[in-house]
């Protein structure tokens, strides 16, 4: 299953970590590159640096 999580703060990061351990396809979207780098380095997921509320994304 493919799952998109908007926001790499406390709840979004927790969900991304939990679901990536269960071998789900995770896409984590946030406009803060530091949060994405920290999570993306340790877990198997795709990160996108953009505003989660952007219609262009």
PDB file of N, CA and C in Angstrom:
ATOM      1  N   UNK A   1       0.845  -1.171   0.000  1.00  0.00           N
ATOM      2  CA  UNK A   1       0.000   0.000   0.000  1.00  0.00           C
ATOM      3  C   UNK A   1       0.891   1.236   0.000  1.00  0.00           C
ATOM      4  N   UNK A   2       0.518   2.254  -0.752  1.00  0.00           N
ATOM      5  CA  UNK A   2       1.256   3.515  -0.784  1.00  0.00           C
ATOM      6  C   UNK A   2       0.558   4.515   0.125  1.00  0.00           C
ATOM      7  N   UNK A   3       1.347   5.153   0.992  1.00  0.00           N
ATOM      8  CA  UNK A   3       0.808   6.077   1.975  1.00  0.00           C
ATOM      9  C   UNK A   3       1.556   7.399   1.875  1.00  0.00           C
ATOM     10  N   UNK A   4       0.807   8.501   1.830  1.00  0.00           N
ATOM     11  CA  UNK A   4       1.384   9.839   1.805  1.00  0.00           C
ATOM     12  C   UNK A   4       1.100  10.488   3.153  1.00  0.00           C
ATOM     13  N   UNK A   5       2.163  11.017   3.778  1.00  0.00           N
ATOM     14  CA  UNK A   5       2.035  11.700   5.061  1.00  0.00           C
ATOM     15  C   UNK A   5       2.464  13.148   4.856  1.00  0.00           C
ATOM     16  N   UNK A   6       1.576  14.072   5.184  1.00  0.00           N
ATOM     17  CA  UNK A   6       1.861  15.502   5.045  1.00  0.00           C
ATOM     18  C   UNK A   6       2.308  16.045   6.398  1.00  0.00           C
ATOM     19  N   UNK A   7       3.569  16.430   6.483  1.00  0.00           N
ATOM     20  CA  UNK A   7       4.112  16.996   7.709  1.00  0.00           C
ATOM     21  C   UNK A   7       5.076  16.045   8.396  1.00  0.00           C
ATOM     22  N   UNK A   8       6.282  16.516   8.646  1.00  0.00           N
ATOM     23  CA  UNK A   8       7.319  15.685   9.276  1.00  0.00           C
ATOM     24  C   UNK A   8       7.596  16.155  10.693  1.00  0.00           C
ATOM     25  N   UNK A   9       6.539  16.479  11.403  1.00  0.00           N
ATOM     26  CA  UNK A   9       6.712  16.878  12.799  1.00  0.00           C
ATOM     27  C   UNK A   9       6.401  15.671  13.673  1.00  0.00           C
ATOM     28  N   UNK A  10       5.984  15.838  14.890  1.00  0.00           N
ATOM     29  CA  UNK A  10       5.867  14.739  15.851  1.00  0.00           C
ATOM     30  C   UNK A  10       4.981  13.592  15.355  1.00  0.00           C
ATOM     31  N   UNK A  11       3.763  13.874  14.980  1.00  0.00           N
ATOM     32  CA  UNK A  11       2.841  12.802  14.588  1.00  0.00           C
ATOM     33  C   UNK A  11       3.202  12.226  13.224  1.00  0.00           C
ATOM     34  N   UNK A  12       3.517  13.078  12.264  1.00  0.00           N
ATOM     35  CA  UNK A  12       3.895  12.599  10.939  1.00  0.00           C
ATOM     36  C   UNK A  12       5.146  11.747  10.965  1.00  0.00           C
ATOM     37  N   UNK A  13       6.136  12.153  11.751  1.00  0.00           N
ATOM     38  CA  UNK A  13       7.371  11.381  11.877  1.00  0.00           C
ATOM     39  C   UNK A  13       7.102  10.043  12.546  1.00  0.00           C
ATOM     40  N   UNK A  14       6.298  10.053  13.593  1.00  0.00           N
ATOM     41  CA  UNK A  14       5.960   8.807  14.282  1.00  0.00           C
ATOM     42  C   UNK A  14       5.267   7.835  13.333  1.00  0.00           C
ATOM     43  N   UNK A  15       4.287   8.315  12.580  1.00  0.00           N
ATOM     44  CA  UNK A  15       3.573   7.452  11.635  1.00  0.00           C
ATOM     45  C   UNK A  15       4.506   6.907  10.552  1.00  0.00           C
ATOM     46  N   UNK A  16       5.371   7.765  10.032  1.00  0.00           N
ATOM     47  CA  UNK A  16       6.306   7.338   8.986  1.00  0.00           C
ATOM     48  C   UNK A  16       7.233   6.243   9.503  1.00  0.00           C
ATOM     49  N   UNK A  17       7.755   6.405  10.711  1.00  0.00           N
ATOM     50  CA  UNK A  17       8.637   5.389  11.291  1.00  0.00           C
ATOM     51  C   UNK A  17       7.889   4.078  11.508  1.00  0.00           C
ATOM     52  N   UNK A  18       6.711   4.158  12.072  1.00  0.00           N
ATOM     53  CA  UNK A  18       5.919   2.971  12.363  1.00  0.00           C
ATOM     54  C   UNK A  18       5.565   2.213  11.086  1.00  0.00           C
ATOM     55  N   UNK A  19       5.089   2.927  10.085  1.00  0.00           N
ATOM     56  CA  UNK A  19       4.657   2.276   8.852  1.00  0.00           C
ATOM     57  C   UNK A  19       5.829   1.770   8.012  1.00  0.00           C
ATOM     58  N   UNK A  20       6.964   2.450   8.046  1.00  0.00           N
ATOM     59  CA  UNK A  20       8.110   1.986   7.267  1.00  0.00           C
ATOM     60  C   UNK A  20       8.688   0.704   7.854  1.00  0.00           C
ATOM     61  N   UNK A  21       8.563   0.510   9.157  1.00  0.00           N
ATOM     62  CA  UNK A  21       9.004  -0.752   9.769  1.00  0.00           C
ATOM     63  C   UNK A  21       8.131  -1.914   9.310  1.00  0.00           C
ATOM     64  N   UNK A  22       6.897  -1.612   8.934  1.00  0.00           N
ATOM     65  CA  UNK A  22       5.965  -2.645   8.467  1.00  0.00           C
ATOM     66  C   UNK A  22       6.000  -2.808   6.957  1.00  0.00           C
ATOM     67  N   UNK A  23       7.058  -2.306   6.335  1.00  0.00           N
ATOM     68  CA  UNK A  23       7.310  -2.474   4.892  1.00  0.00           C
ATOM     69  C   UNK A  23       6.236  -1.839   4.011  1.00  0.00           C
ATOM     70  N   UNK A  24       5.703  -0.698   4.430  1.00  0.00           N
ATOM     71  CA  UNK A  24       4.749   0.047   3.616  1.00  0.00           C
ATOM     72  C   UNK A  24       5.517   1.055   2.750  1.00  0.00           C
ATOM     73  N   UNK A  25       4.970   1.442   1.609  1.00  0.00           N
ATOM     74  CA  UNK A  25       5.563   2.468   0.754  1.00  0.00           C
ATOM     75  C   UNK A  25       5.129   3.829   1.284  1.00  0.00           C
ATOM     76  N   UNK A  26       6.067   4.568   1.872  1.00  0.00           N
ATOM     77  CA  UNK A  26       5.755   5.829   2.533  1.00  0.00           C
ATOM     78  C   UNK A  26       6.361   6.979   1.746  1.00  0.00           C
ATOM     79  N   UNK A  27       5.562   8.034   1.571  1.00  0.00           N
ATOM     80  CA  UNK A  27       6.043   9.301   1.024  1.00  0.00           C
ATOM     81  C   UNK A  27       5.763  10.347   2.085  1.00  0.00           C
ATOM     82  N   UNK A  28       6.833  11.007   2.555  1.00  0.00           N
ATOM     83  CA  UNK A  28       6.730  12.013   3.599  1.00  0.00           C
ATOM     84  C   UNK A  28       6.994  13.380   2.988  1.00  0.00           C
ATOM     85  N   UNK A  29       6.032  14.293   3.116  1.00  0.00           N
ATOM     86  CA  UNK A  29       6.120  15.618   2.511  1.00  0.00           C
ATOM     87  C   UNK A  29       6.202  16.671   3.608  1.00  0.00           C
ATOM     88  N   UNK A  30       7.183  17.570   3.496  1.00  0.00           N
ATOM     89  CA  UNK A  30       7.318  18.671   4.444  1.00  0.00           C
ATOM     90  C   UNK A  30       8.171  19.751   3.786  1.00  0.00           C
ATOM     91  N   UNK A  31       8.032  20.977   4.277  1.00  0.00           N
ATOM     92  CA  UNK A  31       8.839  22.061   3.727  1.00  0.00           C
ATOM     93  C   UNK A  31      10.094  22.325   4.550  1.00  0.00           C
ATOM     94  N   UNK A  32      10.351  21.527   5.575  1.00  0.00           N
ATOM     95  CA  UNK A  32      11.539  21.663   6.413  1.00  0.00           C
ATOM     96  C   UNK A  32      12.527  20.558   6.040  1.00  0.00           C
ATOM     97  N   UNK A  33      13.617  20.942   5.367  1.00  0.00           N
ATOM     98  CA  UNK A  33      14.587  19.966   4.876  1.00  0.00           C
ATOM     99  C   UNK A  33      15.282  19.221   6.008  1.00  0.00           C
ATOM    100  N   UNK A  34      15.498  19.868   7.139  1.00  0.00           N
ATOM    101  CA  UNK A  34      16.186  19.222   8.263  1.00  0.00           C
ATOM    102  C   UNK A  34      15.364  18.056   8.812  1.00  0.00           C
ATOM    103  N   UNK A  35      14.063  18.247   8.962  1.00  0.00           N
ATOM    104  CA  UNK A  35      13.200  17.163   9.449  1.00  0.00           C
ATOM    105  C   UNK A  35      13.200  15.987   8.478  1.00  0.00           C
ATOM    106  N   UNK A  36      13.115  16.288   7.195  1.00  0.00           N
ATOM    107  CA  UNK A  36      13.086  15.223   6.192  1.00  0.00           C
ATOM    108  C   UNK A  36      14.402  14.460   6.153  1.00  0.00           C
ATOM    109  N   UNK A  37      15.502  15.173   6.250  1.00  0.00           N
ATOM    110  CA  UNK A  37      16.813  14.526   6.208  1.00  0.00           C
ATOM    111  C   UNK A  37      16.999  13.587   7.398  1.00  0.00           C
ATOM    112  N   UNK A  38      16.586  14.044   8.575  1.00  0.00           N
ATOM    113  CA  UNK A  38      16.731  13.245   9.792  1.00  0.00           C
ATOM    114  C   UNK A  38      15.929  11.935   9.692  1.00  0.00           C
ATOM    115  N   UNK A  39      14.714  12.032   9.230  1.00  0.00           N
ATOM    116  CA  UNK A  39      13.863  10.836   9.131  1.00  0.00           C
ATOM    117  C   UNK A  39      14.288   9.959   7.956  1.00  0.00           C
ATOM    118  N   UNK A  40      14.567  10.571   6.821  1.00  0.00           N
ATOM    119  CA  UNK A  40      14.928   9.819   5.625  1.00  0.00           C
ATOM    120  C   UNK A  40      16.236   9.072   5.746  1.00  0.00           C
ATOM    121  N   UNK A  41      17.133   9.561   6.581  1.00  0.00           N
ATOM    122  CA  UNK A  41      18.434   8.921   6.770  1.00  0.00           C
ATOM    123  C   UNK A  41      18.292   7.576   7.500  1.00  0.00           C
ATOM    124  N   UNK A  42      17.356   7.493   8.418  1.00  0.00           N
ATOM    125  CA  UNK A  42      17.247   6.320   9.275  1.00  0.00           C
ATOM    126  C   UNK A  42      16.195   5.303   8.842  1.00  0.00           C
ATOM    127  N   UNK A  43      15.296   5.687   7.959  1.00  0.00           N
ATOM    128  CA  UNK A  43      14.186   4.798   7.598  1.00  0.00           C
ATOM    129  C   UNK A  43      14.037   4.701   6.095  1.00  0.00           C
ATOM    130  N   UNK A  44      13.428   3.609   5.646  1.00  0.00           N
ATOM    131  CA  UNK A  44      13.227   3.351   4.224  1.00  0.00           C
ATOM    132  C   UNK A  44      11.934   4.009   3.773  1.00  0.00           C
ATOM    133  N   UNK A  45      12.054   5.267   3.329  1.00  0.00           N
ATOM    134  CA  UNK A  45      10.901   5.997   2.832  1.00  0.00           C
ATOM    135  C   UNK A  45      11.353   7.086   1.873  1.00  0.00           C
ATOM    136  N   UNK A  46      10.410   7.598   1.103  1.00  0.00           N
ATOM    137  CA  UNK A  46      10.701   8.669   0.158  1.00  0.00           C
ATOM    138  C   UNK A  46      10.313   9.996   0.790  1.00  0.00           C
ATOM    139  N   UNK A  47      11.167  11.004   0.643  1.00  0.00           N
ATOM    140  CA  UNK A  47      10.855  12.323   1.182  1.00  0.00           C
ATOM    141  C   UNK A  47      10.764  13.336   0.043  1.00  0.00           C
ATOM    142  N   UNK A  48       9.855  14.289   0.192  1.00  0.00           N
ATOM    143  CA  UNK A  48       9.686  15.361  -0.782  1.00  0.00           C
ATOM    144  C   UNK A  48       9.674  16.678  -0.025  1.00  0.00           C
ATOM    145  N   UNK A  49      10.579  17.581  -0.410  1.00  0.00           N
ATOM    146  CA  UNK A  49      10.626  18.890   0.228  1.00  0.00           C
ATOM    147  C   UNK A  49       9.719  19.845  -0.538  1.00  0.00           C
ATOM    148  N   UNK A  50       8.556  20.094   0.013  1.00  0.00           N
ATOM    149  CA  UNK A  50       7.574  20.994  -0.576  1.00  0.00           C
ATOM    150  C   UNK A  50       6.507  21.286   0.481  1.00  0.00           C
ATOM    151  N   UNK A  51       5.723  22.281   0.226  1.00  0.00           N
ATOM    152  CA  UNK A  51       4.634  22.589   1.144  1.00  0.00           C
ATOM    153  C   UNK A  51       3.538  21.532   0.991  1.00  0.00           C
ATOM    154  N   UNK A  52       3.153  20.880   2.080  1.00  0.00           N
ATOM    155  CA  UNK A  52       2.123  19.838   1.988  1.00  0.00           C
ATOM    156  C   UNK A  52       0.762  20.375   1.524  1.00  0.00           C
ATOM    157  N   UNK A  53       0.541  21.681   1.628  1.00  0.00           N
ATOM    158  CA  UNK A  53      -0.732  22.263   1.225  1.00  0.00           C
ATOM    159  C   UNK A  53      -0.716  22.800  -0.202  1.00  0.00           C
ATOM    160  N   UNK A  54       0.409  22.648  -0.883  1.00  0.00           N
ATOM    161  CA  UNK A  54       0.545  23.173  -2.248  1.00  0.00           C
ATOM    162  C   UNK A  54      -0.231  22.310  -3.237  1.00  0.00           C
ATOM    163  N   UNK A  55      -1.041  22.927  -4.048  1.00  0.00           N
ATOM    164  CA  UNK A  55      -1.797  22.199  -5.081  1.00  0.00           C
ATOM    165  C   UNK A  55      -0.879  21.749  -6.213  1.00  0.00           C
ATOM    166  N   UNK A  56       0.241  22.453  -6.435  1.00  0.00           N
ATOM    167  CA  UNK A  56       1.188  22.090  -7.493  1.00  0.00           C
ATOM    168  C   UNK A  56       1.907  20.787  -7.187  1.00  0.00           C
ATOM    169  N   UNK A  57       2.048  20.472  -5.942  1.00  0.00           N
ATOM    170  CA  UNK A  57       2.748  19.247  -5.558  1.00  0.00           C
ATOM    171  C   UNK A  57       1.961  18.051  -6.022  1.00  0.00           C
TER     172      UNK A  57
END
